[in-house]
């Protein structure tokens, strides 16, 4: 599995990728079912500029270190 940084990917490409994963965007926030997608680990809306896609999944999180650490603490052994 290859990890690819999304920091230099164009906004349009990020939105296309999100749509392939069942999400969308208003250009600022990641949307799920027409509403802002909330990162379940930090309870904050995920912004397009701060999103990560967990490798091997379709899960979109905020790139906040607490969110990432909490996810891997919970599911790390399954990856």
PDB file of N, CA and C in Angstrom:
ATOM      1  N   UNK A   1       0.843  -1.163   0.000  1.00  0.00           N
ATOM      2  CA  UNK A   1       0.000   0.000   0.000  1.00  0.00           C
ATOM      3  C   UNK A   1       0.894   1.233   0.000  1.00  0.00           C
ATOM      4  N   UNK A   2       0.577   2.156  -0.884  1.00  0.00           N
ATOM      5  CA  UNK A   2       1.354   3.387  -0.995  1.00  0.00           C
ATOM      6  C   UNK A   2       0.606   4.532  -0.328  1.00  0.00           C
ATOM      7  N   UNK A   3       1.320   5.333   0.439  1.00  0.00           N
ATOM      8  CA  UNK A   3       0.738   6.503   1.085  1.00  0.00           C
ATOM      9  C   UNK A   3       1.065   7.722   0.227  1.00  0.00           C
ATOM     10  N   UNK A   4       0.033   8.496  -0.089  1.00  0.00           N
ATOM     11  CA  UNK A   4       0.188   9.673  -0.943  1.00  0.00           C
ATOM     12  C   UNK A   4      -0.274  10.899  -0.169  1.00  0.00           C
ATOM     13  N   UNK A   5       0.526  11.944  -0.176  1.00  0.00           N
ATOM     14  CA  UNK A   5       0.150  13.187   0.488  1.00  0.00           C
ATOM     15  C   UNK A   5      -0.912  13.910  -0.334  1.00  0.00           C
ATOM     16  N   UNK A   6      -1.915  14.435   0.354  1.00  0.00           N
ATOM     17  CA  UNK A   6      -2.965  15.203  -0.313  1.00  0.00           C
ATOM     18  C   UNK A   6      -2.711  16.705  -0.239  1.00  0.00           C
ATOM     19  N   UNK A   7      -1.646  17.116   0.418  1.00  0.00           N
ATOM     20  CA  UNK A   7      -1.380  18.545   0.617  1.00  0.00           C
ATOM     21  C   UNK A   7      -1.205  19.305  -0.693  1.00  0.00           C
ATOM     22  N   UNK A   8      -0.595  18.687  -1.697  1.00  0.00           N
ATOM     23  CA  UNK A   8      -0.335  19.382  -2.956  1.00  0.00           C
ATOM     24  C   UNK A   8      -1.304  18.983  -4.067  1.00  0.00           C
ATOM     25  N   UNK A   9      -2.322  18.201  -3.720  1.00  0.00           N
ATOM     26  CA  UNK A   9      -3.332  17.795  -4.691  1.00  0.00           C
ATOM     27  C   UNK A   9      -4.317  18.951  -4.865  1.00  0.00           C
ATOM     28  N   UNK A  10      -4.726  19.207  -6.082  1.00  0.00           N
ATOM     29  CA  UNK A  10      -5.648  20.323  -6.338  1.00  0.00           C
ATOM     30  C   UNK A  10      -6.987  20.103  -5.643  1.00  0.00           C
ATOM     31  N   UNK A  11      -7.656  21.212  -5.364  1.00  0.00           N
ATOM     32  CA  UNK A  11      -8.973  21.161  -4.721  1.00  0.00           C
ATOM     33  C   UNK A  11      -9.943  20.330  -5.569  1.00  0.00           C
ATOM     34  N   UNK A  12      -9.901  20.510  -6.882  1.00  0.00           N
ATOM     35  CA  UNK A  12     -10.794  19.777  -7.780  1.00  0.00           C
ATOM     36  C   UNK A  12     -10.531  18.275  -7.706  1.00  0.00           C
ATOM     37  N   UNK A  13      -9.264  17.878  -7.641  1.00  0.00           N
ATOM     38  CA  UNK A  13      -8.919  16.459  -7.551  1.00  0.00           C
ATOM     39  C   UNK A  13      -9.356  15.870  -6.219  1.00  0.00           C
ATOM     40  N   UNK A  14      -9.221  16.642  -5.142  1.00  0.00           N
ATOM     41  CA  UNK A  14      -9.682  16.172  -3.834  1.00  0.00           C
ATOM     42  C   UNK A  14     -11.190  15.935  -3.852  1.00  0.00           C
ATOM     43  N   UNK A  15     -11.928  16.861  -4.457  1.00  0.00           N
ATOM     44  CA  UNK A  15     -13.385  16.725  -4.520  1.00  0.00           C
ATOM     45  C   UNK A  15     -13.771  15.506  -5.358  1.00  0.00           C
ATOM     46  N   UNK A  16     -13.082  15.285  -6.468  1.00  0.00           N
ATOM     47  CA  UNK A  16     -13.337  14.104  -7.297  1.00  0.00           C
ATOM     48  C   UNK A  16     -13.079  12.835  -6.499  1.00  0.00           C
ATOM     49  N   UNK A  17     -11.984  12.797  -5.769  1.00  0.00           N
ATOM     50  CA  UNK A  17     -11.656  11.641  -4.934  1.00  0.00           C
ATOM     51  C   UNK A  17     -12.721  11.423  -3.866  1.00  0.00           C
ATOM     52  N   UNK A  18     -13.143  12.498  -3.214  1.00  0.00           N
ATOM     53  CA  UNK A  18     -14.194  12.387  -2.200  1.00  0.00           C
ATOM     54  C   UNK A  18     -15.475  11.805  -2.787  1.00  0.00           C
ATOM     55  N   UNK A  19     -15.843  12.258  -3.981  1.00  0.00           N
ATOM     56  CA  UNK A  19     -17.063  11.752  -4.619  1.00  0.00           C
ATOM     57  C   UNK A  19     -16.961  10.263  -4.899  1.00  0.00           C
ATOM     58  N   UNK A  20     -15.780   9.799  -5.278  1.00  0.00           N
ATOM     59  CA  UNK A  20     -15.572   8.366  -5.508  1.00  0.00           C
ATOM     60  C   UNK A  20     -15.732   7.560  -4.217  1.00  0.00           C
ATOM     61  N   UNK A  21     -15.484   8.200  -3.086  1.00  0.00           N
ATOM     62  CA  UNK A  21     -15.582   7.528  -1.782  1.00  0.00           C
ATOM     63  C   UNK A  21     -16.946   7.732  -1.114  1.00  0.00           C
ATOM     64  N   UNK A  22     -17.869   8.401  -1.811  1.00  0.00           N
ATOM     65  CA  UNK A  22     -19.204   8.603  -1.260  1.00  0.00           C
ATOM     66  C   UNK A  22     -19.372   9.876  -0.448  1.00  0.00           C
ATOM     67  N   UNK A  23     -18.403  10.768  -0.554  1.00  0.00           N
ATOM     68  CA  UNK A  23     -18.464  12.058   0.129  1.00  0.00           C
ATOM     69  C   UNK A  23     -18.645  13.147  -0.919  1.00  0.00           C
ATOM     70  N   UNK A  24     -18.659  14.394  -0.485  1.00  0.00           N
ATOM     71  CA  UNK A  24     -18.723  15.546  -1.383  1.00  0.00           C
ATOM     72  C   UNK A  24     -18.035  16.706  -0.678  1.00  0.00           C
ATOM     73  N   UNK A  25     -18.057  17.880  -1.269  1.00  0.00           N
ATOM     74  CA  UNK A  25     -17.468  19.057  -0.648  1.00  0.00           C
ATOM     75  C   UNK A  25     -18.155  20.305  -1.171  1.00  0.00           C
ATOM     76  N   UNK A  26     -18.229  21.304  -0.309  1.00  0.00           N
ATOM     77  CA  UNK A  26     -18.731  22.615  -0.725  1.00  0.00           C
ATOM     78  C   UNK A  26     -17.572  23.541  -1.090  1.00  0.00           C
ATOM     79  N   UNK A  27     -16.372  22.980  -1.180  1.00  0.00           N
ATOM     80  CA  UNK A  27     -15.178  23.762  -1.484  1.00  0.00           C
ATOM     81  C   UNK A  27     -14.384  24.120  -0.242  1.00  0.00           C
ATOM     82  N   UNK A  28     -15.013  24.029   0.915  1.00  0.00           N
ATOM     83  CA  UNK A  28     -14.332  24.292   2.188  1.00  0.00           C
ATOM     84  C   UNK A  28     -14.384  23.056   3.082  1.00  0.00           C
ATOM     85  N   UNK A  29     -15.568  22.505   3.247  1.00  0.00           N
ATOM     86  CA  UNK A  29     -15.757  21.363   4.141  1.00  0.00           C
ATOM     87  C   UNK A  29     -16.024  20.082   3.361  1.00  0.00           C
ATOM     88  N   UNK A  30     -15.666  18.949   3.971  1.00  0.00           N
ATOM     89  CA  UNK A  30     -16.033  17.642   3.455  1.00  0.00           C
ATOM     90  C   UNK A  30     -17.482  17.408   3.871  1.00  0.00           C
ATOM     91  N   UNK A  31     -18.297  16.943   2.934  1.00  0.00           N
ATOM     92  CA  UNK A  31     -19.708  16.711   3.206  1.00  0.00           C
ATOM     93  C   UNK A  31     -20.035  15.228   3.094  1.00  0.00           C
ATOM     94  N   UNK A  32     -20.938  14.769   3.945  1.00  0.00           N
ATOM     95  CA  UNK A  32     -21.476  13.412   3.867  1.00  0.00           C
ATOM     96  C   UNK A  32     -22.986  13.553   3.972  1.00  0.00           C
ATOM     97  N   UNK A  33     -23.702  13.051   2.989  1.00  0.00           N
ATOM     98  CA  UNK A  33     -25.165  13.164   2.949  1.00  0.00           C
ATOM     99  C   UNK A  33     -25.620  14.623   3.022  1.00  0.00           C
ATOM    100  N   UNK A  34     -24.862  15.532   2.394  1.00  0.00           N
ATOM    101  CA  UNK A  34     -25.229  16.937   2.325  1.00  0.00           C
ATOM    102  C   UNK A  34     -24.897  17.767   3.552  1.00  0.00           C
ATOM    103  N   UNK A  35     -24.332  17.142   4.582  1.00  0.00           N
ATOM    104  CA  UNK A  35     -23.974  17.868   5.813  1.00  0.00           C
ATOM    105  C   UNK A  35     -22.471  17.785   6.043  1.00  0.00           C
ATOM    106  N   UNK A  36     -21.958  18.724   6.821  1.00  0.00           N
ATOM    107  CA  UNK A  36     -20.529  18.696   7.144  1.00  0.00           C
ATOM    108  C   UNK A  36     -20.186  17.370   7.815  1.00  0.00           C
ATOM    109  N   UNK A  37     -19.124  16.736   7.308  1.00  0.00           N
ATOM    110  CA  UNK A  37     -18.658  15.471   7.880  1.00  0.00           C
ATOM    111  C   UNK A  37     -17.884  15.785   9.155  1.00  0.00           C
ATOM    112  N   UNK A  38     -18.301  15.192  10.260  1.00  0.00           N
ATOM    113  CA  UNK A  38     -17.684  15.432  11.560  1.00  0.00           C
ATOM    114  C   UNK A  38     -16.691  14.320  11.865  1.00  0.00           C
ATOM    115  N   UNK A  39     -15.462  14.696  12.177  1.00  0.00           N
ATOM    116  CA  UNK A  39     -14.447  13.727  12.602  1.00  0.00           C
ATOM    117  C   UNK A  39     -14.868  13.204  13.965  1.00  0.00           C
ATOM    118  N   UNK A  40     -15.140  11.906  14.043  1.00  0.00           N
ATOM    119  CA  UNK A  40     -15.670  11.327  15.280  1.00  0.00           C
ATOM    120  C   UNK A  40     -14.680  11.332  16.437  1.00  0.00           C
ATOM    121  N   UNK A  41     -13.413  11.546  16.163  1.00  0.00           N
ATOM    122  CA  UNK A  41     -12.414  11.494  17.233  1.00  0.00           C
ATOM    123  C   UNK A  41     -12.151  12.852  17.872  1.00  0.00           C
ATOM    124  N   UNK A  42     -12.388  13.935  17.148  1.00  0.00           N
ATOM    125  CA  UNK A  42     -12.201  15.277  17.713  1.00  0.00           C
ATOM    126  C   UNK A  42     -13.483  16.105  17.650  1.00  0.00           C
ATOM    127  N   UNK A  43     -14.542  15.507  17.111  1.00  0.00           N
ATOM    128  CA  UNK A  43     -15.862  16.129  17.046  1.00  0.00           C
ATOM    129  C   UNK A  43     -15.837  17.505  16.368  1.00  0.00           C
ATOM    130  N   UNK A  44     -15.079  17.593  15.283  1.00  0.00           N
ATOM    131  CA  UNK A  44     -14.952  18.833  14.511  1.00  0.00           C
ATOM    132  C   UNK A  44     -15.248  18.533  13.042  1.00  0.00           C
ATOM    133  N   UNK A  45     -15.814  19.507  12.308  1.00  0.00           N
ATOM    134  CA  UNK A  45     -16.012  19.308  10.870  1.00  0.00           C
ATOM    135  C   UNK A  45     -14.663  19.179  10.161  1.00  0.00           C
ATOM    136  N   UNK A  46     -14.615  18.290   9.179  1.00  0.00           N
ATOM    137  CA  UNK A  46     -13.384  18.068   8.421  1.00  0.00           C
ATOM    138  C   UNK A  46     -13.346  19.047   7.249  1.00  0.00           C
ATOM    139  N   UNK A  47     -12.276  19.832   7.182  1.00  0.00           N
ATOM    140  CA  UNK A  47     -12.091  20.773   6.074  1.00  0.00           C
ATOM    141  C   UNK A  47     -11.353  20.078   4.932  1.00  0.00           C
ATOM    142  N   UNK A  48     -11.657  20.495   3.733  1.00  0.00           N
ATOM    143  CA  UNK A  48     -11.028  19.939   2.540  1.00  0.00           C
ATOM    144  C   UNK A  48      -9.508  20.062   2.619  1.00  0.00           C
ATOM    145  N   UNK A  49      -9.011  21.188   3.126  1.00  0.00           N
ATOM    146  CA  UNK A  49      -7.567  21.412   3.209  1.00  0.00           C
ATOM    147  C   UNK A  49      -6.889  20.605   4.306  1.00  0.00           C
ATOM    148  N   UNK A  50      -7.652  20.063   5.263  1.00  0.00           N
ATOM    149  CA  UNK A  50      -7.065  19.338   6.394  1.00  0.00           C
ATOM    150  C   UNK A  50      -7.452  17.867   6.435  1.00  0.00           C
ATOM    151  N   UNK A  51      -7.993  17.351   5.351  1.00  0.00           N
ATOM    152  CA  UNK A  51      -8.474  15.974   5.387  1.00  0.00           C
ATOM    153  C   UNK A  51      -7.351  14.979   5.133  1.00  0.00           C
ATOM    154  N   UNK A  52      -7.521  13.803   5.709  1.00  0.00           N
ATOM    155  CA  UNK A  52      -6.699  12.654   5.345  1.00  0.00           C
ATOM    156  C   UNK A  52      -7.658  11.510   5.064  1.00  0.00           C
ATOM    157  N   UNK A  53      -7.238  10.606   4.218  1.00  0.00           N
ATOM    158  CA  UNK A  53      -7.989   9.386   3.969  1.00  0.00           C
ATOM    159  C   UNK A  53      -7.139   8.273   4.549  1.00  0.00           C
ATOM    160  N   UNK A  54      -7.709   7.537   5.476  1.00  0.00           N
ATOM    161  CA  UNK A  54      -6.956   6.476   6.142  1.00  0.00           C
ATOM    162  C   UNK A  54      -6.599   5.419   5.100  1.00  0.00           C
ATOM    163  N   UNK A  55      -5.307   5.093   4.961  1.00  0.00           N
ATOM    164  CA  UNK A  55      -4.879   4.100   3.976  1.00  0.00           C
ATOM    165  C   UNK A  55      -5.632   2.779   4.139  1.00  0.00           C
ATOM    166  N   UNK A  56      -6.067   2.226   3.014  1.00  0.00           N
ATOM    167  CA  UNK A  56      -6.775   0.957   3.025  1.00  0.00           C
ATOM    168  C   UNK A  56      -8.241   1.076   3.392  1.00  0.00           C
ATOM    169  N   UNK A  57      -8.764   2.298   3.441  1.00  0.00           N
ATOM    170  CA  UNK A  57     -10.164   2.485   3.826  1.00  0.00           C
ATOM    171  C   UNK A  57     -10.762   3.639   3.033  1.00  0.00           C
ATOM    172  N   UNK A  58     -12.021   3.918   3.322  1.00  0.00           N
ATOM    173  CA  UNK A  58     -12.691   5.085   2.743  1.00  0.00           C
ATOM    174  C   UNK A  58     -13.015   6.075   3.844  1.00  0.00           C
ATOM    175  N   UNK A  59     -12.311   5.982   4.973  1.00  0.00           N
ATOM    176  CA  UNK A  59     -12.554   6.843   6.123  1.00  0.00           C
ATOM    177  C   UNK A  59     -11.810   8.160   5.956  1.00  0.00           C
ATOM    178  N   UNK A  60     -12.531   9.253   6.088  1.00  0.00           N
ATOM    179  CA  UNK A  60     -11.948  10.589   5.978  1.00  0.00           C
ATOM    180  C   UNK A  60     -11.907  11.205   7.370  1.00  0.00           C
ATOM    181  N   UNK A  61     -10.708  11.616   7.793  1.00  0.00           N
ATOM    182  CA  UNK A  61     -10.499  12.244   9.097  1.00  0.00           C
ATOM    183  C   UNK A  61      -9.853  13.608   8.908  1.00  0.00           C
ATOM    184  N   UNK A  62      -9.881  14.401   9.963  1.00  0.00           N
ATOM    185  CA  UNK A  62      -9.115  15.640  10.017  1.00  0.00           C
ATOM    186  C   UNK A  62      -7.662  15.252  10.271  1.00  0.00           C
ATOM    187  N   UNK A  63      -6.711  16.039   9.794  1.00  0.00           N
ATOM    188  CA  UNK A  63      -5.303  15.693   9.998  1.00  0.00           C
ATOM    189  C   UNK A  63      -4.772  16.113  11.368  1.00  0.00           C
ATOM    190  N   UNK A  64      -5.663  16.405  12.285  1.00  0.00           N
ATOM    191  CA  UNK A  64      -5.308  16.732  13.665  1.00  0.00           C
ATOM    192  C   UNK A  64      -4.585  15.529  14.290  1.00  0.00           C
ATOM    193  N   UNK A  65      -3.410  15.720  14.893  1.00  0.00           N
ATOM    194  CA  UNK A  65      -2.667  14.597  15.477  1.00  0.00           C
ATOM    195  C   UNK A  65      -3.476  13.792  16.496  1.00  0.00           C
ATOM    196  N   UNK A  66      -4.347  14.443  17.257  1.00  0.00           N
ATOM    197  CA  UNK A  66      -5.169  13.721  18.226  1.00  0.00           C
ATOM    198  C   UNK A  66      -6.131  12.774  17.519  1.00  0.00           C
ATOM    199  N   UNK A  67      -6.727  13.220  16.440  1.00  0.00           N
ATOM    200  CA  UNK A  67      -7.642  12.384  15.672  1.00  0.00           C
ATOM    201  C   UNK A  67      -6.925  11.159  15.110  1.00  0.00           C
ATOM    202  N   UNK A  68      -5.779  11.381  14.508  1.00  0.00           N
ATOM    203  CA  UNK A  68      -5.017  10.286  13.904  1.00  0.00           C
ATOM    204  C   UNK A  68      -4.553   9.303  14.972  1.00  0.00           C
ATOM    205  N   UNK A  69      -4.014   9.812  16.073  1.00  0.00           N
ATOM    206  CA  UNK A  69      -3.529   8.945  17.150  1.00  0.00           C
ATOM    207  C   UNK A  69      -4.663   8.130  17.756  1.00  0.00           C
ATOM    208  N   UNK A  70      -5.814   8.755  17.955  1.00  0.00           N
ATOM    209  CA  UNK A  70      -6.954   8.046  18.531  1.00  0.00           C
ATOM    210  C   UNK A  70      -7.434   6.950  17.594  1.00  0.00           C
ATOM    211  N   UNK A  71      -7.488   7.229  16.301  1.00  0.00           N
ATOM    212  CA  UNK A  71      -7.891   6.215  15.328  1.00  0.00           C
ATOM    213  C   UNK A  71      -6.940   5.020  15.379  1.00  0.00           C
ATOM    214  N   UNK A  72      -5.631   5.271  15.315  1.00  0.00           N
ATOM    215  CA  UNK A  72      -4.673   4.167  15.292  1.00  0.00           C
ATOM    216  C   UNK A  72      -4.607   3.437  16.627  1.00  0.00           C
ATOM    217  N   UNK A  73      -4.876   4.131  17.711  1.00  0.00           N
ATOM    218  CA  UNK A  73      -4.943   3.465  19.010  1.00  0.00           C
ATOM    219  C   UNK A  73      -6.107   2.477  19.028  1.00  0.00           C
ATOM    220  N   UNK A  74      -7.203   2.858  18.415  1.00  0.00           N
ATOM    221  CA  UNK A  74      -8.400   2.020  18.401  1.00  0.00           C
ATOM    222  C   UNK A  74      -8.308   0.895  17.371  1.00  0.00           C
ATOM    223  N   UNK A  75      -7.769   1.181  16.183  1.00  0.00           N
ATOM    224  CA  UNK A  75      -7.800   0.217  15.084  1.00  0.00           C
ATOM    225  C   UNK A  75      -6.434  -0.197  14.550  1.00  0.00           C
ATOM    226  N   UNK A  76      -5.360   0.250  15.145  1.00  0.00           N
ATOM    227  CA  UNK A  76      -4.024  -0.008  14.621  1.00  0.00           C
ATOM    228  C   UNK A  76      -3.706  -1.463  14.368  1.00  0.00           C
ATOM    229  N   UNK A  77      -4.158  -2.349  15.244  1.00  0.00           N
ATOM    230  CA  UNK A  77      -3.842  -3.769  15.086  1.00  0.00           C
ATOM    231  C   UNK A  77      -4.590  -4.403  13.917  1.00  0.00           C
ATOM    232  N   UNK A  78      -5.617  -3.750  13.414  1.00  0.00           N
ATOM    233  CA  UNK A  78      -6.381  -4.287  12.294  1.00  0.00           C
ATOM    234  C   UNK A  78      -5.796  -3.906  10.944  1.00  0.00           C
ATOM    235  N   UNK A  79      -4.867  -2.964  10.942  1.00  0.00           N
ATOM    236  CA  UNK A  79      -4.307  -2.488   9.668  1.00  0.00           C
ATOM    237  C   UNK A  79      -3.163  -3.344   9.210  1.00  0.00           C
TER     238      UNK A  79
END
